C-alpha atoms as a PDB file:
ATOM      1  CA  MET A   1      80.532 101.780  84.935  1.00  0.00           C
ATOM      2  CA  VAL A   2      83.529 103.748  84.094  1.00  0.00           C
ATOM      3  CA  VAL A   3      81.678 106.902  82.730  1.00  0.00           C
ATOM      4  CA  ALA A   4      79.553 106.715  86.369  1.00  0.00           C
ATOM      5  CA  LEU A   5      82.489 106.433  88.382  1.00  0.00           C
ATOM      6  CA  ASP A   6      84.623 109.147  86.284  1.00  0.00           C
ATOM      7  CA  GLN A   7      82.017 111.844  86.365  1.00  0.00           C
ATOM      8  CA  TRP A   8      81.324 110.800  90.268  1.00  0.00           C
ATOM      9  CA  THR A   9      84.904 111.053  91.232  1.00  0.00           C
ATOM     10  CA  LYS A  10      85.600 114.505  89.306  1.00  0.00           C
ATOM     11  CA  SER A  11      82.242 115.628  90.772  1.00  0.00           C
ATOM     12  CA  LEU A  12      83.363 115.083  93.995  1.00  0.00           C
ATOM     13  CA  VAL A  13      86.996 116.844  93.294  1.00  0.00           C
ATOM     14  CA  ARG A  14      85.208 119.680  91.747  1.00  0.00           C
ATOM     15  CA  GLN A  15      82.948 120.207  94.832  1.00  0.00           C
ATOM     16  CA  ALA A  16      85.413 119.746  97.476  1.00  0.00           C
ATOM     17  CA  ILE A  17      89.145 120.409  96.457  1.00  0.00           C
ATOM     18  CA  PRO A  18      89.350 124.274  95.069  1.00  0.00           C
ATOM     19  CA  LEU A  19      91.006 124.461  91.705  1.00  0.00           C
ATOM     20  CA  ASN A  20      94.952 124.228  91.551  1.00  0.00           C
ATOM     21  CA  ARG A  21      94.940 122.970  95.348  1.00  0.00           C
ATOM     22  CA  SER A  22      96.223 119.588  96.582  1.00  0.00           C
ATOM     23  CA  VAL A  23      94.652 117.921  99.789  1.00  0.00           C
ATOM     24  CA  SER A  24      96.011 114.958 101.842  1.00  0.00           C
ATOM     25  CA  ILE A  25      94.204 111.375 101.604  1.00  0.00           C
ATOM     26  CA  THR A  26      96.090 110.370 104.652  1.00  0.00           C
ATOM     27  CA  ALA A  27      99.457 110.973 106.101  1.00  0.00           C
ATOM     28  CA  PHE A  28     100.559 107.754 105.614  1.00  0.00           C
ATOM     29  CA  LEU A  29      99.647 108.276 102.133  1.00  0.00           C
ATOM     30  CA  ASP A  30     101.072 111.226 101.149  1.00  0.00           C
ATOM     31  CA  PRO A  31     104.923 110.466  99.992  1.00  0.00           C
ATOM     32  CA  TYR A  32     102.814 108.275  97.468  1.00  0.00           C
ATOM     33  CA  VAL A  33      99.709 109.844  96.592  1.00  0.00           C
ATOM     34  CA  ARG A  34      97.441 113.167  96.864  1.00  0.00           C
ATOM     35  CA  LEU A  35      94.596 114.597  95.305  1.00  0.00           C
ATOM     36  CA  THR A  36      95.057 117.824  93.297  1.00  0.00           C
ATOM     37  CA  HIS A  37      92.342 119.460  91.229  1.00  0.00           C
ATOM     38  CA  ILE A  38      93.546 120.476  88.144  1.00  0.00           C
ATOM     39  CA  GLU A  39      92.086 121.374  84.390  1.00  0.00           C
ATOM     40  CA  ASN A  40      93.527 119.423  81.623  1.00  0.00           C
ATOM     41  CA  ALA A  41      93.231 121.491  78.231  1.00  0.00           C
ATOM     42  CA  GLY A  42      95.534 118.610  76.902  1.00  0.00           C
ATOM     43  CA  ALA A  43      95.227 114.963  76.415  1.00  0.00           C
ATOM     44  CA  ALA A  44      95.614 112.014  79.141  1.00  0.00           C
ATOM     45  CA  PHE A  45      97.962 112.802  81.407  1.00  0.00           C
ATOM     46  CA  GLY A  46      98.372 116.689  80.165  1.00  0.00           C
ATOM     47  CA  PHE A  47     100.204 115.810  77.100  1.00  0.00           C
ATOM     48  CA  GLY A  48      99.300 118.285  74.130  1.00  0.00           C
ATOM     49  CA  GLN A  49      98.064 121.180  75.863  1.00  0.00           C
ATOM     50  CA  GLY A  50      95.763 123.695  74.294  1.00  0.00           C
ATOM     51  CA  LEU A  51      94.167 120.896  71.701  1.00  0.00           C
ATOM     52  CA  GLY A  52      91.167 120.136  74.138  1.00  0.00           C
ATOM     53  CA  LYS A  53      88.815 120.867  70.884  1.00  0.00           C
ATOM     54  CA  LEU A  54      90.908 118.500  68.785  1.00  0.00           C
ATOM     55  CA  PHE A  55      90.772 115.926  71.511  1.00  0.00           C
ATOM     56  CA  ALA A  56      86.947 116.382  71.766  1.00  0.00           C
ATOM     57  CA  TYR A  57      86.478 115.423  68.045  1.00  0.00           C
ATOM     58  CA  ALA A  58      89.531 112.789  68.667  1.00  0.00           C
ATOM     59  CA  ALA A  59      87.340 111.189  71.447  1.00  0.00           C
ATOM     60  CA  LEU A  60      84.284 111.335  69.368  1.00  0.00           C
ATOM     61  CA  GLY A  61      85.848 109.498  66.383  1.00  0.00           C
ATOM     62  CA  ALA A  62      87.282 106.862  69.038  1.00  0.00           C
ATOM     63  CA  ILE A  63      83.797 106.462  70.398  1.00  0.00           C
ATOM     64  CA  LEU A  64      82.255 105.837  67.324  1.00  0.00           C
ATOM     65  CA  LEU A  65      84.938 103.373  65.859  1.00  0.00           C
ATOM     66  CA  ILE A  66      84.331 101.119  68.775  1.00  0.00           C
ATOM     67  CA  VAL A  67      80.804 101.060  68.934  1.00  0.00           C
ATOM     68  CA  LEU A  68      80.344 100.646  65.200  1.00  0.00           C
ATOM     69  CA  TYR A  69      83.247  98.730  63.894  1.00  0.00           C
ATOM     70  CA  PHE A  70      84.876  96.814  67.020  1.00  0.00           C
ATOM     71  CA  ARG A  71      81.778  96.074  68.866  1.00  0.00           C
ATOM     72  CA  PRO A  72      80.984  92.728  66.232  1.00  0.00           C
ATOM     73  CA  PHE A  73      84.545  91.597  66.921  1.00  0.00           C
ATOM     74  CA  ALA A  74      84.957  91.733  70.336  1.00  0.00           C
ATOM     75  CA  GLU A  75      81.094  90.004  70.979  1.00  0.00           C
ATOM     76  CA  ARG A  76      82.555  86.620  71.676  1.00  0.00           C
ATOM     77  CA  ARG A  77      86.208  87.630  72.981  1.00  0.00           C
ATOM     78  CA  PRO A  78      86.219  88.536  76.468  1.00  0.00           C
ATOM     79  CA  LEU A  79      89.397  90.104  77.149  1.00  0.00           C
ATOM     80  CA  LEU A  80      88.815  92.270  74.030  1.00  0.00           C
ATOM     81  CA  ARG A  81      85.613  93.211  75.116  1.00  0.00           C
ATOM     82  CA  VAL A  82      86.928  94.599  78.385  1.00  0.00           C
ATOM     83  CA  ALA A  83      89.880  96.208  76.829  1.00  0.00           C
ATOM     84  CA  LEU A  84      87.175  98.200  74.580  1.00  0.00           C
ATOM     85  CA  GLY A  85      84.782  98.961  77.238  1.00  0.00           C
ATOM     86  CA  LEU A  86      87.383 100.202  79.292  1.00  0.00           C
ATOM     87  CA  GLN A  87      88.380 102.314  76.463  1.00  0.00           C
ATOM     88  CA  LEU A  88      84.940 103.688  75.358  1.00  0.00           C
ATOM     89  CA  GLY A  89      84.053 104.486  78.912  1.00  0.00           C
ATOM     90  CA  GLY A  90      87.316 106.781  79.360  1.00  0.00           C
ATOM     91  CA  ALA A  91      86.855 108.453  75.878  1.00  0.00           C
ATOM     92  CA  ILE A  92      83.066 109.201  76.917  1.00  0.00           C
ATOM     93  CA  GLY A  93      83.882 110.180  80.449  1.00  0.00           C
ATOM     94  CA  ASN A  94      86.774 112.718  79.413  1.00  0.00           C
ATOM     95  CA  LEU A  95      84.443 114.028  76.227  1.00  0.00           C
ATOM     96  CA  ILE A  96      81.666 114.724  78.900  1.00  0.00           C
ATOM     97  CA  ASP A  97      84.148 116.573  80.750  1.00  0.00           C
ATOM     98  CA  ARG A  98      85.292 118.829  77.459  1.00  0.00           C
ATOM     99  CA  LEU A  99      81.783 119.582  76.507  1.00  0.00           C
ATOM    100  CA  ARG A 100      80.429 120.648  80.010  1.00  0.00           C
ATOM    101  CA  LEU A 101      83.732 122.488  81.024  1.00  0.00           C
ATOM    102  CA  GLY A 102      84.765 124.467  77.993  1.00  0.00           C
ATOM    103  CA  GLY A 103      87.290 122.241  76.441  1.00  0.00           C
ATOM    104  CA  VAL A 104      88.964 120.895  79.621  1.00  0.00           C
ATOM    105  CA  VAL A 105      89.214 117.694  81.844  1.00  0.00           C
ATOM    106  CA  THR A 106      89.366 117.348  85.656  1.00  0.00           C
ATOM    107  CA  ASP A 107      92.369 115.749  86.781  1.00  0.00           C
ATOM    108  CA  PHE A 108      92.915 114.830  90.685  1.00  0.00           C
ATOM    109  CA  VAL A 109      95.512 111.741  91.156  1.00  0.00           C
ATOM    110  CA  ASP A 110      98.472 113.001  91.931  1.00  0.00           C
ATOM    111  CA  LEU A 111     101.130 110.629  92.386  1.00  0.00           C
ATOM    112  CA  GLY A 112     104.317 113.044  92.204  1.00  0.00           C
ATOM    113  CA  TRP A 113     106.362 111.807  89.720  1.00  0.00           C
ATOM    114  CA  PHE A 114     103.579 111.009  87.167  1.00  0.00           C
ATOM    115  CA  PRO A 115     101.501 113.673  85.465  1.00  0.00           C
ATOM    116  CA  ILE A 116      98.037 114.418  87.017  1.00  0.00           C
ATOM    117  CA  PHE A 117      95.332 111.996  86.051  1.00  0.00           C
ATOM    118  CA  ASN A 118      91.862 110.791  86.296  1.00  0.00           C
ATOM    119  CA  VAL A 119      89.700 107.514  86.398  1.00  0.00           C
ATOM    120  CA  ALA A 120      88.879 107.891  82.571  1.00  0.00           C
ATOM    121  CA  ASP A 121      92.501 108.013  81.851  1.00  0.00           C
ATOM    122  CA  SER A 122      93.408 105.071  84.029  1.00  0.00           C
ATOM    123  CA  ALA A 123      90.487 103.087  81.999  1.00  0.00           C
ATOM    124  CA  ILE A 124      91.720 104.087  78.494  1.00  0.00           C
ATOM    125  CA  THR A 125      95.673 103.296  79.411  1.00  0.00           C
ATOM    126  CA  ILE A 126      94.445 100.064  81.153  1.00  0.00           C
ATOM    127  CA  GLY A 127      92.050  99.051  77.775  1.00  0.00           C
ATOM    128  CA  SER A 128      95.022  99.729  75.952  1.00  0.00           C
ATOM    129  CA  ILE A 129      97.441  97.317  77.759  1.00  0.00           C
ATOM    130  CA  LEU A 130      94.412  95.260  77.366  1.00  0.00           C
ATOM    131  CA  LEU A 131      94.241  95.239  73.916  1.00  0.00           C
ATOM    132  CA  GLY A 132      97.868  95.042  73.321  1.00  0.00           C
ATOM    133  CA  VAL A 133      97.940  91.867  75.037  1.00  0.00           C
ATOM    134  CA  TYR A 134      95.256  90.495  73.223  1.00  0.00           C
ATOM    135  CA  ALA A 135      97.259  91.528  69.949  1.00  0.00           C
ATOM    136  CA  LEU A 136     100.367  89.931  71.199  1.00  0.00           C
ATOM    137  CA  PHE A 137      99.203  87.061  72.876  1.00  0.00           C
ATOM    138  CA  VAL A 138      95.262  86.095  72.376  1.00  0.00           C
ATOM    139  CA  ASP A 139      95.463  86.550  68.295  1.00  0.00           C
ATOM    140  CA  THR A 140      98.410  85.900  67.276  1.00  0.00           C
ATOM    141  CA  PRO A 141      99.005  82.872  63.934  1.00  0.00           C
ATOM    142  CA  GLY A 142      99.700  79.814  65.346  1.00  0.00           C
ATOM    143  CA  THR A 143      97.596  80.274  68.931  1.00  0.00           C
ATOM    144  CA  ALA A 144      94.966  78.017  69.906  1.00  0.00           C
ATOM    145  CA  ALA A 145      93.067  81.108  70.940  1.00  0.00           C
ATOM    146  CA  ALA A 146      93.647  82.723  67.329  1.00  0.00           C
ATOM    147  CA  ALA A 147      92.380  79.322  65.254  1.00  0.00           C
ATOM    148  CA  LYS A 148      89.521  78.853  67.264  1.00  0.00           C
ATOM    149  CA  GLU A 149      88.909  82.939  66.941  1.00  0.00           C
ATOM    150  CA  ALA A 150      89.322  82.048  63.036  1.00  0.00           C
ATOM    151  CA  SER A 151      86.944  79.248  63.135  1.00  0.00           C
ATOM    152  CA  GLU A 152      83.928  81.413  65.004  1.00  0.00           C
ATOM    153  CA  PRO A 153      81.744  83.371  62.206  1.00  0.00           C
ATOM    154  CA  VAL A 154      82.114  87.134  63.233  1.00  0.00           C
ATOM    155  CA  SER A 155      79.134  89.378  61.997  1.00  0.00           C
ATOM    156  CA  ASP A 156      79.300  91.829  59.540  1.00  0.00           C
ATOM    157  CA  PRO A 157      80.392  94.973  60.842  1.00  0.00           C
ATOM    158  CA  VAL A 158      78.583  97.077  58.418  1.00  0.00           C
ATOM    159  CA  ALA A 159      75.322  95.086  58.391  1.00  0.00           C
ATOM    160  CA  PRO A 160      72.306  95.800  60.927  1.00  0.00           C
ATOM    161  CA  HIS A 161      72.263  93.648  63.951  1.00  0.00           C
ATOM    162  CA  ASP A 162      69.318  91.690  65.434  1.00  0.00           C
END
């Protein structure tokens, strides 16, 4: 769902808003958010400009890591599954842009005081926050959730799945 929403919104922006131009959603929201069509050659929120190819390889590595290694651990852990799903969808959404657009990503959510971003960046950020919540509060030694998870069998991430 993240990939579909990300690609759909980016497509709408590329069709409706000229590059490096802003449009108002509604006058009421102007002080808070506008749509600004930019091409970002950096990472999320514009960091690392000019390193688009490096970020494409990093995204591919993250995608493979989530799919091959972390998936078995997240199967019985709903919060972890949501966190990794958001990160995976965001990484795929931005990777699609980098491959299609020559190393750049379409960004458009402009809060004025923050770097311009897109749906994929939001998904990656929210997934990272949820992963932090999971690591700090759910999967910590001494919690009931950690004790329960420790007693659950986890399939070998390298072994083939049925």
